[in-house]
PDB file of N, CA and C in Angstrom:
ATOM      1  N   MET A   1      88.902 -79.867 123.949  1.00  0.00           N
ATOM      2  CA  MET A   1      90.431 -79.519 123.290  1.00  0.00           C
ATOM      3  C   MET A   1      90.361 -79.322 122.290  1.00  0.00           C
ATOM      4  N   LYS A   2      91.390 -78.512 122.107  1.00  0.00           N
ATOM      5  CA  LYS A   2      91.692 -78.110 120.492  1.00  0.00           C
ATOM      6  C   LYS A   2      92.428 -79.306 119.941  1.00  0.00           C
ATOM      7  N   THR A   3      92.234 -79.171 118.335  1.00  0.00           N
ATOM      8  CA  THR A   3      93.205 -79.833 117.494  1.00  0.00           C
ATOM      9  C   THR A   3      94.080 -78.756 116.922  1.00  0.00           C
ATOM     10  N   ILE A   4      95.730 -79.232 116.940  1.00  0.00           N
ATOM     11  CA  ILE A   4      96.480 -78.886 116.005  1.00  0.00           C
ATOM     12  C   ILE A   4      97.330 -79.428 114.791  1.00  0.00           C
ATOM     13  N   THR A   5      97.395 -79.590 113.695  1.00  0.00           N
ATOM     14  CA  THR A   5      97.918 -80.000 112.830  1.00  0.00           C
ATOM     15  C   THR A   5      99.628 -79.349 112.437  1.00  0.00           C
ATOM     16  N   ILE A   6     100.437 -80.213 112.994  1.00  0.00           N
ATOM     17  CA  ILE A   6     101.732 -79.654 112.110  1.00  0.00           C
ATOM     18  C   ILE A   6     102.133 -79.780 111.145  1.00  0.00           C
ATOM     19  N   ARG A   7     102.585 -79.446 110.007  1.00  0.00           N
ATOM     20  CA  ARG A   7     103.008 -79.885 108.644  1.00  0.00           C
ATOM     21  C   ARG A   7     104.515 -79.668 108.786  1.00  0.00           C
ATOM     22  N   GLY A   8     105.303 -80.117 107.920  1.00  0.00           N
ATOM     23  CA  GLY A   8     106.310 -80.296 107.202  1.00  0.00           C
ATOM     24  C   GLY A   8     107.671 -80.574 108.684  1.00  0.00           C
ATOM     25  N   ILE A   9     106.834 -81.844 108.848  1.00  0.00           N
ATOM     26  CA  ILE A   9     107.696 -82.936 110.025  1.00  0.00           C
ATOM     27  C   ILE A   9     108.929 -83.425 109.436  1.00  0.00           C
ATOM     28  N   GLU A  10     110.108 -83.148 109.470  1.00  0.00           N
ATOM     29  CA  GLU A  10     110.937 -83.679 108.870  1.00  0.00           C
ATOM     30  C   GLU A  10     111.298 -85.642 109.220  1.00  0.00           C
ATOM     31  N   PRO A  11     111.782 -85.943 108.406  1.00  0.00           N
ATOM     32  CA  PRO A  11     111.827 -87.557 108.596  1.00  0.00           C
ATOM     33  C   PRO A  11     112.787 -87.900 109.896  1.00  0.00           C
ATOM     34  N   GLU A  12     113.233 -86.985 109.902  1.00  0.00           N
ATOM     35  CA  GLU A  12     114.578 -87.502 111.159  1.00  0.00           C
ATOM     36  C   GLU A  12     113.933 -86.826 112.386  1.00  0.00           C
ATOM     37  N   LEU A  13     112.758 -85.816 112.557  1.00  0.00           N
ATOM     38  CA  LEU A  13     112.422 -85.451 113.755  1.00  0.00           C
ATOM     39  C   LEU A  13     111.275 -86.688 113.681  1.00  0.00           C
ATOM     40  N   GLU A  14     110.328 -87.176 113.162  1.00  0.00           N
ATOM     41  CA  GLU A  14     109.725 -87.672 112.957  1.00  0.00           C
ATOM     42  C   GLU A  14     110.015 -89.195 113.668  1.00  0.00           C
ATOM     43  N   LYS A  15     110.829 -89.478 113.154  1.00  0.00           N
ATOM     44  CA  LYS A  15     111.895 -90.710 113.649  1.00  0.00           C
ATOM     45  C   LYS A  15     112.116 -91.008 114.962  1.00  0.00           C
ATOM     46  N   THR A  16     112.788 -89.307 115.824  1.00  0.00           N
ATOM     47  CA  THR A  16     112.980 -89.605 117.129  1.00  0.00           C
ATOM     48  C   THR A  16     111.700 -89.189 118.041  1.00  0.00           C
ATOM     49  N   ILE A  17     110.806 -88.511 117.288  1.00  0.00           N
ATOM     50  CA  ILE A  17     109.818 -88.360 118.332  1.00  0.00           C
ATOM     51  C   ILE A  17     108.932 -89.993 118.282  1.00  0.00           C
ATOM     52  N   LYS A  18     109.198 -90.563 117.226  1.00  0.00           N
ATOM     53  CA  LYS A  18     108.089 -92.234 117.366  1.00  0.00           C
ATOM     54  C   LYS A  18     109.465 -92.832 118.046  1.00  0.00           C
ATOM     55  N   PHE A  19     110.566 -92.968 118.066  1.00  0.00           N
ATOM     56  CA  PHE A  19     111.643 -93.408 119.142  1.00  0.00           C
ATOM     57  C   PHE A  19     111.064 -92.944 120.328  1.00  0.00           C
ATOM     58  N   ASN A  20     111.208 -91.647 120.867  1.00  0.00           N
ATOM     59  CA  ASN A  20     110.807 -91.303 122.161  1.00  0.00           C
ATOM     60  C   ASN A  20     109.750 -91.850 122.742  1.00  0.00           C
ATOM     61  N   ALA A  21     108.622 -91.810 121.775  1.00  0.00           N
ATOM     62  CA  ALA A  21     107.008 -92.154 122.581  1.00  0.00           C
ATOM     63  C   ALA A  21     107.168 -93.511 122.726  1.00  0.00           C
ATOM     64  N   SER A  22     107.863 -94.598 122.080  1.00  0.00           N
ATOM     65  CA  SER A  22     107.909 -95.895 122.046  1.00  0.00           C
ATOM     66  C   SER A  22     108.713 -96.198 123.322  1.00  0.00           C
ATOM     67  N   ARG A  23     109.797 -95.236 123.561  1.00  0.00           N
ATOM     68  CA  ARG A  23     110.629 -95.639 124.999  1.00  0.00           C
ATOM     69  C   ARG A  23     109.978 -95.466 126.517  1.00  0.00           C
ATOM     70  N   GLU A  24     109.268 -94.519 125.904  1.00  0.00           N
ATOM     71  CA  GLU A  24     108.278 -93.963 127.178  1.00  0.00           C
ATOM     72  C   GLU A  24     106.839 -94.658 127.603  1.00  0.00           C
ATOM     73  N   SER A  25     106.833 -95.752 126.420  1.00  0.00           N
ATOM     74  CA  SER A  25     105.534 -96.208 126.342  1.00  0.00           C
ATOM     75  C   SER A  25     103.963 -95.551 126.172  1.00  0.00           C
ATOM     76  N   LEU A  26     104.543 -94.317 125.310  1.00  0.00           N
ATOM     77  CA  LEU A  26     103.195 -93.411 125.068  1.00  0.00           C
ATOM     78  C   LEU A  26     103.041 -93.547 123.652  1.00  0.00           C
ATOM     79  N   SER A  27     101.728 -92.595 123.378  1.00  0.00           N
ATOM     80  CA  SER A  27     101.212 -92.592 122.329  1.00  0.00           C
ATOM     81  C   SER A  27     102.318 -91.698 121.712  1.00  0.00           C
ATOM     82  N   ILE A  28     102.242 -91.410 120.146  1.00  0.00           N
ATOM     83  CA  ILE A  28     102.684 -90.348 119.649  1.00  0.00           C
ATOM     84  C   ILE A  28     101.930 -88.915 120.197  1.00  0.00           C
ATOM     85  N   ASN A  29     101.093 -88.934 120.253  1.00  0.00           N
ATOM     86  CA  ASN A  29     100.173 -87.652 120.548  1.00  0.00           C
ATOM     87  C   ASN A  29     100.685 -87.577 122.449  1.00  0.00           C
ATOM     88  N   GLN A  30     100.726 -88.633 123.020  1.00  0.00           N
ATOM     89  CA  GLN A  30     100.611 -88.313 124.342  1.00  0.00           C
ATOM     90  C   GLN A  30     102.475 -87.698 124.639  1.00  0.00           C
ATOM     91  N   TRP A  31     103.265 -88.324 123.713  1.00  0.00           N
ATOM     92  CA  TRP A  31     104.582 -87.534 123.765  1.00  0.00           C
ATOM     93  C   TRP A  31     105.056 -86.451 123.334  1.00  0.00           C
ATOM     94  N   VAL A  32     104.444 -85.861 122.216  1.00  0.00           N
ATOM     95  CA  VAL A  32     104.101 -85.062 121.667  1.00  0.00           C
ATOM     96  C   VAL A  32     103.934 -83.644 122.890  1.00  0.00           C
ATOM     97  N   LEU A  33     102.573 -84.039 123.233  1.00  0.00           N
ATOM     98  CA  LEU A  33     102.090 -82.965 124.007  1.00  0.00           C
ATOM     99  C   LEU A  33     102.304 -82.635 125.498  1.00  0.00           C
ATOM    100  N   LYS A  34     103.377 -84.012 126.034  1.00  0.00           N
ATOM    101  CA  LYS A  34     104.346 -83.788 127.118  1.00  0.00           C
ATOM    102  C   LYS A  34     105.504 -83.120 126.391  1.00  0.00           C
ATOM    103  N   ALA A  35     106.261 -83.314 125.172  1.00  0.00           N
ATOM    104  CA  ALA A  35     107.333 -82.323 124.926  1.00  0.00           C
ATOM    105  C   ALA A  35     106.429 -80.794 124.948  1.00  0.00           C
ATOM    106  N   LEU A  36     105.970 -80.487 124.176  1.00  0.00           N
ATOM    107  CA  LEU A  36     105.086 -79.268 124.521  1.00  0.00           C
ATOM    108  C   LEU A  36     105.524 -78.724 125.873  1.00  0.00           C
ATOM    109  N   LYS A  37     104.638 -79.436 126.602  1.00  0.00           N
ATOM    110  CA  LYS A  37     104.431 -78.665 127.994  1.00  0.00           C
ATOM    111  C   LYS A  37     105.613 -78.398 128.894  1.00  0.00           C
ATOM    112  N   HIS A  38     106.488 -79.225 128.467  1.00  0.00           N
ATOM    113  CA  HIS A  38     107.850 -79.091 128.929  1.00  0.00           C
ATOM    114  C   HIS A  38     108.768 -77.625 128.263  1.00  0.00           C
ATOM    115  N   SER A  39     108.707 -77.841 126.855  1.00  0.00           N
ATOM    116  CA  SER A  39     109.270 -76.381 126.225  1.00  0.00           C
ATOM    117  C   SER A  39     108.356 -75.402 127.030  1.00  0.00           C
ATOM    118  N   ALA A  40     107.261 -75.472 126.897  1.00  0.00           N
ATOM    119  CA  ALA A  40     106.165 -74.059 127.314  1.00  0.00           C
ATOM    120  C   ALA A  40     106.474 -73.602 128.996  1.00  0.00           C
ATOM    121  N   GLY A  41     107.211 -74.764 129.514  1.00  0.00           N
ATOM    122  CA  GLY A  41     107.462 -74.646 131.189  1.00  0.00           C
ATOM    123  C   GLY A  41     106.081 -75.037 131.969  1.00  0.00           C
ATOM    124  N   LEU A  42     105.158 -76.027 131.225  1.00  0.00           N
ATOM    125  CA  LEU A  42     103.966 -76.126 131.951  1.00  0.00           C
ATOM    126  C   LEU A  42     103.834 -77.216 132.626  1.00  0.00           C
ATOM    127  N   ASP A  43     104.806 -78.184 132.304  1.00  0.00           N
ATOM    128  CA  ASP A  43     105.201 -79.479 133.275  1.00  0.00           C
ATOM    129  C   ASP A  43     105.675 -79.450 134.656  1.00  0.00           C
ATOM    130  N   LYS A  44     105.686 -78.421 135.262  1.00  0.00           N
ATOM    131  CA  LYS A  44     106.615 -78.242 136.550  1.00  0.00           C
ATOM    132  C   LYS A  44     105.635 -78.987 137.459  1.00  0.00           C
ATOM    133  N   GLU A  45     106.474 -80.121 138.170  1.00  0.00           N
ATOM    134  CA  GLU A  45     105.642 -80.853 138.852  1.00  0.00           C
ATOM    135  C   GLU A  45     106.090 -80.743 140.272  1.00  0.00           C
ATOM    136  N   LYS A  46     105.390 -80.565 141.373  1.00  0.00           N
ATOM    137  CA  LYS A  46     105.630 -79.732 142.862  1.00  0.00           C
ATOM    138  C   LYS A  46     106.867 -80.814 143.103  1.00  0.00           C
ATOM    139  N   ILE A  47     108.200 -80.466 143.845  1.00  0.00           N
ATOM    140  CA  ILE A  47     108.585 -81.174 144.384  1.00  0.00           C
ATOM    141  C   ILE A  47     108.832 -82.069 145.047  1.00  0.00           C
ATOM    142  N   PHE A  48     107.641 -81.623 146.406  1.00  0.00           N
ATOM    143  CA  PHE A  48     107.341 -82.505 147.916  1.00  0.00           C
ATOM    144  C   PHE A  48     105.745 -82.389 147.461  1.00  0.00           C
ATOM    145  N   ARG A  49     105.265 -83.510 147.437  1.00  0.00           N
ATOM    146  CA  ARG A  49     103.752 -83.763 147.323  1.00  0.00           C
ATOM    147  C   ARG A  49     103.167 -83.447 148.728  1.00  0.00           C
ATOM    148  N   LYS A  50     101.911 -82.991 148.700  1.00  0.00           N
ATOM    149  CA  LYS A  50     101.546 -82.609 149.820  1.00  0.00           C
ATOM    150  C   LYS A  50     100.576 -83.843 150.378  1.00  0.00           C
ATOM    151  N   TYR A  51     100.721 -84.256 151.588  1.00  0.00           N
ATOM    152  CA  TYR A  51      99.881 -85.113 152.342  1.00  0.00           C
ATOM    153  C   TYR A  51      99.147 -84.488 153.568  1.00  0.00           C
ATOM    154  N   ASP A  52      98.169 -85.005 153.423  1.00  0.00           N
ATOM    155  CA  ASP A  52      97.524 -84.184 154.875  1.00  0.00           C
ATOM    156  C   ASP A  52      96.731 -85.438 155.918  1.00  0.00           C
ATOM    157  N   ASP A  53      97.025 -86.389 155.100  1.00  0.00           N
ATOM    158  CA  ASP A  53      96.171 -87.817 155.923  1.00  0.00           C
ATOM    159  C   ASP A  53      96.691 -88.357 157.079  1.00  0.00           C
ATOM    160  N   LEU A  54      98.194 -87.568 157.546  1.00  0.00           N
ATOM    161  CA  LEU A  54      98.669 -87.418 158.961  1.00  0.00           C
ATOM    162  C   LEU A  54      98.842 -86.292 159.688  1.00  0.00           C
ATOM    163  N   ASN A  55      98.482 -85.305 159.086  1.00  0.00           N
ATOM    164  CA  ASN A  55      98.568 -84.077 159.866  1.00  0.00           C
ATOM    165  C   ASN A  55      98.347 -84.066 161.154  1.00  0.00           C
ATOM    166  N   SER A  56      96.513 -84.927 161.591  1.00  0.00           N
ATOM    167  CA  SER A  56      96.287 -84.846 163.050  1.00  0.00           C
ATOM    168  C   SER A  56      97.819 -85.450 163.924  1.00  0.00           C
ATOM    169  N   PHE A  57      98.689 -86.382 163.082  1.00  0.00           N
ATOM    170  CA  PHE A  57      99.074 -86.694 164.405  1.00  0.00           C
ATOM    171  C   PHE A  57     100.847 -85.879 164.429  1.00  0.00           C
ATOM    172  N   ALA A  58     101.376 -85.188 163.227  1.00  0.00           N
ATOM    173  CA  ALA A  58     102.460 -84.570 163.339  1.00  0.00           C
ATOM    174  C   ALA A  58     102.590 -83.279 164.388  1.00  0.00           C
ATOM    175  N   GLY A  59     103.556 -83.775 165.382  1.00  0.00           N
ATOM    176  CA  GLY A  59     103.566 -82.378 166.220  1.00  0.00           C
ATOM    177  C   GLY A  59     102.505 -82.403 167.202  1.00  0.00           C
ATOM    178  N   GLY A  60     101.502 -83.037 166.856  1.00  0.00           N
ATOM    179  CA  GLY A  60     100.102 -83.060 167.844  1.00  0.00           C
ATOM    180  C   GLY A  60     100.150 -83.672 169.357  1.00  0.00           C
ATOM    181  N   TRP A  61     101.512 -84.351 169.524  1.00  0.00           N
ATOM    182  CA  TRP A  61     101.054 -84.932 170.996  1.00  0.00           C
ATOM    183  C   TRP A  61     101.678 -84.170 172.181  1.00  0.00           C
ATOM    184  N   SER A  62     101.079 -84.192 173.139  1.00  0.00           N
ATOM    185  CA  SER A  62     101.305 -83.243 174.647  1.00  0.00           C
ATOM    186  C   SER A  62     102.622 -84.211 174.905  1.00  0.00           C
ATOM    187  N   LYS A  63     103.230 -83.557 175.813  1.00  0.00           N
ATOM    188  CA  LYS A  63     104.674 -84.177 176.564  1.00  0.00           C
ATOM    189  C   LYS A  63     104.398 -85.147 177.344  1.00  0.00           C
ATOM    190  N   LYS A  64     102.912 -85.184 177.571  1.00  0.00           N
ATOM    191  CA  LYS A  64     102.712 -86.850 178.600  1.00  0.00           C
ATOM    192  C   LYS A  64     102.386 -87.610 177.361  1.00  0.00           C
ATOM    193  N   GLU A  65     101.716 -87.350 176.369  1.00  0.00           N
ATOM    194  CA  GLU A  65     101.770 -88.620 175.458  1.00  0.00           C
ATOM    195  C   GLU A  65     103.019 -89.000 174.962  1.00  0.00           C
ATOM    196  N   THR A  66     103.305 -88.168 174.765  1.00  0.00           N
ATOM    197  CA  THR A  66     105.229 -88.351 174.486  1.00  0.00           C
ATOM    198  C   THR A  66     105.561 -89.260 175.136  1.00  0.00           C
ATOM    199  N   LYS A  67     105.960 -88.808 176.038  1.00  0.00           N
ATOM    200  CA  LYS A  67     106.449 -89.691 177.378  1.00  0.00           C
ATOM    201  C   LYS A  67     106.046 -91.092 177.082  1.00  0.00           C
ATOM    202  N   THR A  68     104.802 -91.456 177.478  1.00  0.00           N
ATOM    203  CA  THR A  68     103.547 -92.678 177.436  1.00  0.00           C
ATOM    204  C   THR A  68     104.315 -93.165 176.243  1.00  0.00           C
ATOM    205  N   PHE A  69     104.379 -92.970 175.366  1.00  0.00           N
ATOM    206  CA  PHE A  69     104.830 -93.325 173.808  1.00  0.00           C
ATOM    207  C   PHE A  69     106.692 -93.930 174.058  1.00  0.00           C
ATOM    208  N   LEU A  70     107.053 -92.794 174.511  1.00  0.00           N
ATOM    209  CA  LEU A  70     108.236 -93.767 174.720  1.00  0.00           C
ATOM    210  C   LEU A  70     108.621 -94.261 175.273  1.00  0.00           C
ATOM    211  N   GLU A  71     107.934 -94.627 176.490  1.00  0.00           N
ATOM    212  CA  GLU A  71     107.973 -95.496 177.689  1.00  0.00           C
ATOM    213  C   GLU A  71     107.761 -96.974 176.774  1.00  0.00           C
ATOM    214  N   ASN A  72     106.018 -96.851 176.177  1.00  0.00           N
ATOM    215  CA  ASN A  72     105.906 -98.068 175.191  1.00  0.00           C
ATOM    216  C   ASN A  72     106.576 -98.679 174.369  1.00  0.00           C
ATOM    217  N   ILE A  73     107.605 -97.816 173.586  1.00  0.00           N
ATOM    218  CA  ILE A  73     108.554 -98.335 173.002  1.00  0.00           C
ATOM    219  C   ILE A  73     110.078 -99.070 173.153  1.00  0.00           C
ATOM    220  N   LYS A  74     110.081 -98.703 174.654  1.00  0.00           N
ATOM    221  CA  LYS A  74     111.662 -99.191 175.106  1.00  0.00           C
ATOM    222  C   LYS A  74     111.803-100.882 175.155  1.00  0.00           C
ATOM    223  N   ILE A  75     110.629-101.463 174.906  1.00  0.00           N
ATOM    224  CA  ILE A  75     110.813-102.936 174.769  1.00  0.00           C
ATOM    225  C   ILE A  75     111.654-103.610 173.496  1.00  0.00           C
ATOM    226  N   PHE A  76     111.510-102.497 172.162  1.00  0.00           N
ATOM    227  CA  PHE A  76     112.094-103.039 171.249  1.00  0.00           C
ATOM    228  C   PHE A  76     113.672-102.332 171.418  1.00  0.00           C
ATOM    229  N   ASP A  77     114.207-101.613 172.374  1.00  0.00           N
ATOM    230  CA  ASP A  77     115.603-101.370 172.448  1.00  0.00           C
ATOM    231  C   ASP A  77     116.356-102.630 173.246  1.00  0.00           C
ATOM    232  N   ARG A  78     115.798-103.368 173.771  1.00  0.00           N
ATOM    233  CA  ARG A  78     116.202-104.792 174.183  1.00  0.00           C
ATOM    234  C   ARG A  78     116.374-106.032 173.339  1.00  0.00           C
ATOM    235  N   ILE A  79     117.724-106.270 173.581  1.00  0.00           N
ATOM    236  CA  ILE A  79     118.186-107.487 172.185  1.00  0.00           C
ATOM    237  C   ILE A  79     118.262-109.025 173.371  1.00  0.00           C
ATOM    238  N   ASP A  80     117.481-109.864 172.729  1.00  0.00           N
ATOM    239  CA  ASP A  80     117.405-111.047 173.471  1.00  0.00           C
ATOM    240  C   ASP A  80     118.420-111.838 173.045  1.00  0.00           C
ATOM    241  N   GLU A  81     119.099-111.720 174.059  1.00  0.00           N
ATOM    242  CA  GLU A  81     120.700-112.451 173.950  1.00  0.00           C
ATOM    243  C   GLU A  81     120.425-114.143 173.447  1.00  0.00           C
ATOM    244  N   GLU A  82     119.562-114.916 173.654  1.00  0.00           N
ATOM    245  CA  GLU A  82     119.493-115.931 173.272  1.00  0.00           C
ATOM    246  C   GLU A  82     119.290-116.293 172.018  1.00  0.00           C
ATOM    247  N   ILE A  83     118.137-115.484 171.431  1.00  0.00           N
ATOM    248  CA  ILE A  83     117.860-115.284 169.831  1.00  0.00           C
ATOM    249  C   ILE A  83     118.928-115.163 168.989  1.00  0.00           C
ATOM    250  N   TRP A  84     120.169-114.247 169.636  1.00  0.00           N
ATOM    251  CA  TRP A  84     121.508-114.053 168.736  1.00  0.00           C
ATOM    252  C   TRP A  84     122.572-114.676 168.781  1.00  0.00           C
ATOM    253  N   LYS A  85     121.988-115.887 169.736  1.00  0.00           N
ATOM    254  CA  LYS A  85     123.432-116.931 169.721  1.00  0.00           C
ATOM    255  C   LYS A  85     123.875-117.598 168.625  1.00  0.00           C
TER     256      LYS A  85
END
């Protein structure tokens, strides 16, 4: 990685950088890099993270498997009146 020296930082800018870095619990260097990436448009995070750990389950059931599953969870629809008295 390259090192860049920035000269001529005004006292108010220095104060603002230090304040923001402290507020976000970052070092001054980390905060400045974050700010530079943001201003350059390089910090764009994906709105939705891609997960592939459950892909084999999503939409992968046959009609028979779906019917069996729904029958097996019907017990959870029942309310035990004795418990709720």
